C-alpha atoms as a PDB file:
ATOM      1  CA  MET A   1      91.924 113.572  99.654  1.00  0.00           C
ATOM      2  CA  PRO A   2      94.448 110.816  98.868  1.00  0.00           C
ATOM      3  CA  LYS A   3      93.421 107.176  98.821  1.00  0.00           C
ATOM      4  CA  PRO A   4      94.251 105.053 101.850  1.00  0.00           C
ATOM      5  CA  LEU A   5      97.404 102.969 101.556  1.00  0.00           C
ATOM      6  CA  LEU A   6      97.281  99.191 101.142  1.00  0.00           C
ATOM      7  CA  PHE A   7     100.446  97.553 102.459  1.00  0.00           C
ATOM      8  CA  LEU A   8     100.957  94.168 100.747  1.00  0.00           C
ATOM      9  CA  ASP A   9     103.114  91.300 101.883  1.00  0.00           C
ATOM     10  CA  VAL A  10     104.190  88.638  99.369  1.00  0.00           C
ATOM     11  CA  ASP A  11     105.207  85.401 101.105  1.00  0.00           C
ATOM     12  CA  GLY A  12     102.176  83.791 102.710  1.00  0.00           C
ATOM     13  CA  VAL A  13      99.841  86.312 101.038  1.00  0.00           C
ATOM     14  CA  LEU A  14     100.494  86.273  97.281  1.00  0.00           C
ATOM     15  CA  ASN A  15     102.850  83.274  97.562  1.00  0.00           C
ATOM     16  CA  PRO A  16     100.969  80.782  99.765  1.00  0.00           C
ATOM     17  CA  VAL A  17     102.601  77.742 101.335  1.00  0.00           C
ATOM     18  CA  CYS A  18     100.134  75.025 100.296  1.00  0.00           C
ATOM     19  CA  PRO A  19      97.179  76.322  98.257  1.00  0.00           C
ATOM     20  CA  HIS A  20      94.449  74.030  97.019  1.00  0.00           C
ATOM     21  CA  PRO A  21      95.640  72.298  93.810  1.00  0.00           C
ATOM     22  CA  ASP A  22      92.770  73.853  91.837  1.00  0.00           C
ATOM     23  CA  ALA A  23      93.400  77.410  93.126  1.00  0.00           C
ATOM     24  CA  GLY A  24      95.161  78.535  89.918  1.00  0.00           C
ATOM     25  CA  PHE A  25      98.736  79.005  91.125  1.00  0.00           C
ATOM     26  CA  ASP A  26     101.741  78.644  88.828  1.00  0.00           C
ATOM     27  CA  SER A  27     105.231  77.889  90.084  1.00  0.00           C
ATOM     28  CA  HIS A  28     107.995  80.382  89.280  1.00  0.00           C
ATOM     29  CA  THR A  29     111.670  80.323  90.190  1.00  0.00           C
ATOM     30  CA  LEU A  30     112.527  83.831  91.353  1.00  0.00           C
ATOM     31  CA  LEU A  31     115.877  84.730  92.877  1.00  0.00           C
ATOM     32  CA  GLY A  32     116.493  81.002  93.322  1.00  0.00           C
ATOM     33  CA  TYR A  33     113.242  80.409  95.254  1.00  0.00           C
ATOM     34  CA  ALA A  34     110.169  78.467  94.177  1.00  0.00           C
ATOM     35  CA  VAL A  35     107.295  80.946  94.309  1.00  0.00           C
ATOM     36  CA  LEU A  36     103.613  80.213  93.713  1.00  0.00           C
ATOM     37  CA  LEU A  37     101.725  83.072  92.064  1.00  0.00           C
ATOM     38  CA  ALA A  38      98.205  83.391  90.640  1.00  0.00           C
ATOM     39  CA  ALA A  39      96.958  85.713  87.904  1.00  0.00           C
ATOM     40  CA  LYS A  40      93.777  86.268  89.931  1.00  0.00           C
ATOM     41  CA  HIS A  41      95.845  88.121  92.549  1.00  0.00           C
ATOM     42  CA  GLY A  42      96.995  90.613  89.935  1.00  0.00           C
ATOM     43  CA  SER A  43      93.396  91.130  88.848  1.00  0.00           C
ATOM     44  CA  TRP A  44      92.214  91.581  92.436  1.00  0.00           C
ATOM     45  CA  LEU A  45      95.037  94.028  93.206  1.00  0.00           C
ATOM     46  CA  ARG A  46      94.223  96.096  90.119  1.00  0.00           C
ATOM     47  CA  GLU A  47      90.623  96.182  91.379  1.00  0.00           C
ATOM     48  CA  LEU A  48      91.810  97.301  94.807  1.00  0.00           C
ATOM     49  CA  SER A  49      93.941 100.047  93.234  1.00  0.00           C
ATOM     50  CA  GLY A  50      90.721 101.910  92.462  1.00  0.00           C
ATOM     51  CA  THR A  51      90.224 102.366  96.203  1.00  0.00           C
ATOM     52  CA  TYR A  52      93.775 102.130  97.584  1.00  0.00           C
ATOM     53  CA  GLU A  53      97.303 103.231  96.810  1.00  0.00           C
ATOM     54  CA  LEU A  54      99.130  99.897  96.708  1.00  0.00           C
ATOM     55  CA  VAL A  55     102.509  99.629  98.457  1.00  0.00           C
ATOM     56  CA  TRP A  56     104.764  96.585  98.815  1.00  0.00           C
ATOM     57  CA  ALA A  57     105.317  95.757 102.497  1.00  0.00           C
ATOM     58  CA  THR A  58     107.496  92.720 102.018  1.00  0.00           C
ATOM     59  CA  THR A  59     111.062  91.684 102.661  1.00  0.00           C
ATOM     60  CA  TRP A  60     111.286  91.360  98.861  1.00  0.00           C
ATOM     61  CA  GLU A  61     111.346  95.194  98.928  1.00  0.00           C
ATOM     62  CA  GLU A  62     112.316  96.573  95.473  1.00  0.00           C
ATOM     63  CA  HIS A  63     112.708  93.020  94.137  1.00  0.00           C
ATOM     64  CA  ALA A  64     108.907  92.680  94.288  1.00  0.00           C
ATOM     65  CA  ASN A  65     108.757  95.159  91.394  1.00  0.00           C
ATOM     66  CA  THR A  66     111.308  93.208  89.381  1.00  0.00           C
ATOM     67  CA  HIS A  67     109.956  89.710  89.987  1.00  0.00           C
ATOM     68  CA  ILE A  68     106.474  89.601  91.560  1.00  0.00           C
ATOM     69  CA  ALA A  69     104.691  92.526  89.871  1.00  0.00           C
ATOM     70  CA  PRO A  70     105.418  91.434  86.268  1.00  0.00           C
ATOM     71  CA  ALA A  71     104.454  87.828  87.033  1.00  0.00           C
ATOM     72  CA  ILE A  72     100.955  88.892  88.162  1.00  0.00           C
ATOM     73  CA  GLY A  73     100.475  91.773  85.730  1.00  0.00           C
ATOM     74  CA  LEU A  74     101.091  94.743  88.025  1.00  0.00           C
ATOM     75  CA  ASP A  75     102.987  97.931  87.364  1.00  0.00           C
ATOM     76  CA  PRO A  76     105.819  98.734  89.789  1.00  0.00           C
ATOM     77  CA  LEU A  77     104.668  99.905  93.215  1.00  0.00           C
ATOM     78  CA  PRO A  78     106.305 101.957  95.939  1.00  0.00           C
ATOM     79  CA  PHE A  79     107.740  99.821  98.718  1.00  0.00           C
ATOM     80  CA  VAL A  80     108.542 100.076 102.403  1.00  0.00           C
ATOM     81  CA  ARG A  81     112.221  99.591 103.238  1.00  0.00           C
ATOM     82  CA  PHE A  82     112.651  97.138 106.117  1.00  0.00           C
ATOM     83  CA  THR A  83     116.275  96.140 105.582  1.00  0.00           C
ATOM     84  CA  GLY A  84     118.503  98.202 107.819  1.00  0.00           C
ATOM     85  CA  TYR A  85     115.613 100.033 109.477  1.00  0.00           C
ATOM     86  CA  VAL A  86     116.927 101.807 112.569  1.00  0.00           C
ATOM     87  CA  PRO A  87     114.401 102.461 115.352  1.00  0.00           C
ATOM     88  CA  GLN A  88     113.593 106.136 115.691  1.00  0.00           C
ATOM     89  CA  PRO A  89     112.263 108.293 118.514  1.00  0.00           C
ATOM     90  CA  GLY A  90     108.504 107.929 118.688  1.00  0.00           C
ATOM     91  CA  ASP A  91     108.437 104.387 117.303  1.00  0.00           C
ATOM     92  CA  PRO A  92     105.938 102.186 119.114  1.00  0.00           C
ATOM     93  CA  CYS A  93     107.313  99.906 121.825  1.00  0.00           C
ATOM     94  CA  VAL A  94     107.316  96.266 120.808  1.00  0.00           C
ATOM     95  CA  PRO A  95     107.178  93.561 123.476  1.00  0.00           C
ATOM     96  CA  LEU A  96     110.177  91.222 123.419  1.00  0.00           C
ATOM     97  CA  MET A  97     107.955  88.277 122.462  1.00  0.00           C
ATOM     98  CA  GLU A  98     106.822  90.167 119.315  1.00  0.00           C
ATOM     99  CA  LEU A  99     110.170  91.412 118.031  1.00  0.00           C
ATOM    100  CA  PHE A 100     109.969  89.180 114.933  1.00  0.00           C
ATOM    101  CA  SER A 101     106.254  89.421 114.186  1.00  0.00           C
ATOM    102  CA  ALA A 102     106.080  93.193 114.777  1.00  0.00           C
ATOM    103  CA  ARG A 103     109.313  94.142 112.991  1.00  0.00           C
ATOM    104  CA  LYS A 104     107.347  95.755 110.138  1.00  0.00           C
ATOM    105  CA  TRP A 105     105.099  97.884 112.354  1.00  0.00           C
ATOM    106  CA  ALA A 106     107.309 100.957 112.925  1.00  0.00           C
ATOM    107  CA  PRO A 107     108.450 101.194 109.263  1.00  0.00           C
ATOM    108  CA  LEU A 108     104.801 100.894 108.134  1.00  0.00           C
ATOM    109  CA  LEU A 109     103.698 103.659 110.497  1.00  0.00           C
ATOM    110  CA  ARG A 110     106.593 105.861 109.333  1.00  0.00           C
ATOM    111  CA  HIS A 111     105.727 105.222 105.673  1.00  0.00           C
ATOM    112  CA  ALA A 112     102.029 105.979 106.251  1.00  0.00           C
ATOM    113  CA  GLU A 113     102.844 109.336 107.864  1.00  0.00           C
ATOM    114  CA  GLY A 114      99.389 109.464 109.464  1.00  0.00           C
ATOM    115  CA  ARG A 115      97.460 108.403 106.361  1.00  0.00           C
ATOM    116  CA  PRO A 116      94.765 105.746 106.729  1.00  0.00           C
ATOM    117  CA  PHE A 117      95.956 102.291 105.694  1.00  0.00           C
ATOM    118  CA  ALA A 118      95.187  98.624 105.408  1.00  0.00           C
ATOM    119  CA  TRP A 119      97.862  95.988 106.008  1.00  0.00           C
ATOM    120  CA  VAL A 120      97.587  92.511 104.526  1.00  0.00           C
ATOM    121  CA  ASP A 121     100.138  90.071 105.952  1.00  0.00           C
ATOM    122  CA  ASP A 122     100.403  86.547 107.306  1.00  0.00           C
ATOM    123  CA  VAL A 123     102.460  87.653 110.332  1.00  0.00           C
ATOM    124  CA  ILE A 124     100.618  90.339 112.277  1.00  0.00           C
ATOM    125  CA  PRO A 125     100.832  90.189 116.073  1.00  0.00           C
ATOM    126  CA  PRO A 126      97.455  89.468 117.709  1.00  0.00           C
ATOM    127  CA  ARG A 127      97.953  92.521 119.954  1.00  0.00           C
ATOM    128  CA  LEU A 128      98.059  94.791 116.882  1.00  0.00           C
ATOM    129  CA  LEU A 129      95.014  93.080 115.385  1.00  0.00           C
ATOM    130  CA  ARG A 130      93.052  93.635 118.609  1.00  0.00           C
ATOM    131  CA  ARG A 131      94.125  97.263 118.936  1.00  0.00           C
ATOM    132  CA  SER A 132      93.088  97.996 115.370  1.00  0.00           C
ATOM    133  CA  LEU A 133      89.613  96.432 115.558  1.00  0.00           C
ATOM    134  CA  LEU A 134      87.823  99.632 116.557  1.00  0.00           C
ATOM    135  CA  ARG A 135      89.942 102.027 114.531  1.00  0.00           C
ATOM    136  CA  ARG A 136      88.519 103.577 111.392  1.00  0.00           C
ATOM    137  CA  ASP A 137      91.917 104.683 110.062  1.00  0.00           C
ATOM    138  CA  ARG A 138      93.469 101.188 109.991  1.00  0.00           C
ATOM    139  CA  LEU A 139      92.400  97.794 108.738  1.00  0.00           C
ATOM    140  CA  LEU A 140      94.706  94.882 109.502  1.00  0.00           C
ATOM    141  CA  LEU A 141      93.960  91.586 107.769  1.00  0.00           C
ATOM    142  CA  SER A 142      95.819  88.502 108.894  1.00  0.00           C
ATOM    143  CA  ILE A 143      96.072  85.980 106.057  1.00  0.00           C
ATOM    144  CA  ASP A 144      96.359  82.202 106.411  1.00  0.00           C
ATOM    145  CA  PRO A 145      99.802  81.543 104.866  1.00  0.00           C
ATOM    146  CA  GLY A 146      98.675  78.127 103.670  1.00  0.00           C
ATOM    147  CA  GLN A 147      95.998  79.496 101.347  1.00  0.00           C
ATOM    148  CA  GLY A 148      97.094  83.099 100.817  1.00  0.00           C
ATOM    149  CA  LEU A 149      94.925  86.019  99.754  1.00  0.00           C
ATOM    150  CA  GLU A 150      91.352  84.996  99.005  1.00  0.00           C
ATOM    151  CA  ARG A 151      88.422  86.806  97.402  1.00  0.00           C
ATOM    152  CA  ARG A 152      86.768  87.279 100.812  1.00  0.00           C
ATOM    153  CA  HIS A 153      89.777  89.405 101.881  1.00  0.00           C
ATOM    154  CA  VAL A 154      89.439  91.584  98.783  1.00  0.00           C
ATOM    155  CA  ASP A 155      85.716  92.006  99.445  1.00  0.00           C
ATOM    156  CA  ARG A 156      86.491  92.997 103.045  1.00  0.00           C
ATOM    157  CA  LEU A 157      89.029  95.578 101.897  1.00  0.00           C
ATOM    158  CA  LEU A 158      86.545  97.032  99.433  1.00  0.00           C
ATOM    159  CA  SER A 159      83.599  97.034 101.842  1.00  0.00           C
ATOM    160  CA  ARG A 160      85.282  99.136 104.530  1.00  0.00           C
ATOM    161  CA  PRO A 161      88.369 101.016 103.411  1.00  0.00           C
ATOM    162  CA  PRO A 162      90.132 102.865 106.214  1.00  0.00           C
ATOM    163  CA  ARG A 163      89.419 106.556 106.363  1.00  0.00           C
ATOM    164  CA  ALA A 164      91.001 109.545 108.015  1.00  0.00           C
ATOM    165  CA  LEU A 165      90.211 110.168 111.639  1.00  0.00           C
ATOM    166  CA  SER A 166      87.613 112.829 112.208  1.00  0.00           C
ATOM    167  CA  LEU A 167      88.383 115.787 114.417  1.00  0.00           C
ATOM    168  CA  SER A 168      86.385 116.436 117.547  1.00  0.00           C
ATOM    169  CA  ALA A 169      85.107 119.901 118.404  1.00  0.00           C
ATOM    170  CA  GLY A 170      88.326 120.529 120.347  1.00  0.00           C
ATOM    171  CA  GLY A 171      90.502 119.609 117.366  1.00  0.00           C
ATOM    172  CA  ALA A 172      91.710 116.282 118.762  1.00  0.00           C
ATOM    173  CA  ALA A 173      91.579 113.198 116.563  1.00  0.00           C
ATOM    174  CA  VAL A 174      88.824 110.787 117.509  1.00  0.00           C
ATOM    175  CA  ARG A 175      90.250 107.253 117.734  1.00  0.00           C
ATOM    176  CA  GLY A 176      88.593 103.927 118.299  1.00  0.00           C
ATOM    177  CA  SER A 177      91.429 102.569 120.461  1.00  0.00           C
ATOM    178  CA  ALA A 178      95.061 103.029 121.437  1.00  0.00           C
ATOM    179  CA  ALA A 179      97.347 104.751 118.917  1.00  0.00           C
ATOM    180  CA  ASN A 180      99.631 101.791 118.349  1.00  0.00           C
END
């Protein structure tokens, strides 16, 4: 059975807005932007790769492999393409008020293709967080963009990785809540 996916955002997660001065972040200029990165994140992500298949879920897209991964000691990762994504039949409906915050949701679901996954991002709509609370096949972690990814998030990801839905006697998937 394949590992669950771990969708990783960069800005606000690995590149926090205003981390504590003693948090171990170094400033880098990448693609003309000041980016704060910490070696501990690379170490934590390598630890998580024992449980998860890591996937970039960031608007950096393939540039995360060129600029972010080497800076924190990661090998290149697959990535979800968001740029130019065209809605497809079967995509979940997104309320007008969540068009920005939920723009990643349909591409993430398409990329997962039914596999269990965790999503770590600083912009996850509260509606999606609530709907995922009782699901065993999804774990959504909203990160404070000021501080970024913290050890407690890593511990949470390791303590309860998402797992495939079990089948009921009738063959239907048993879900904890609504599909989207």
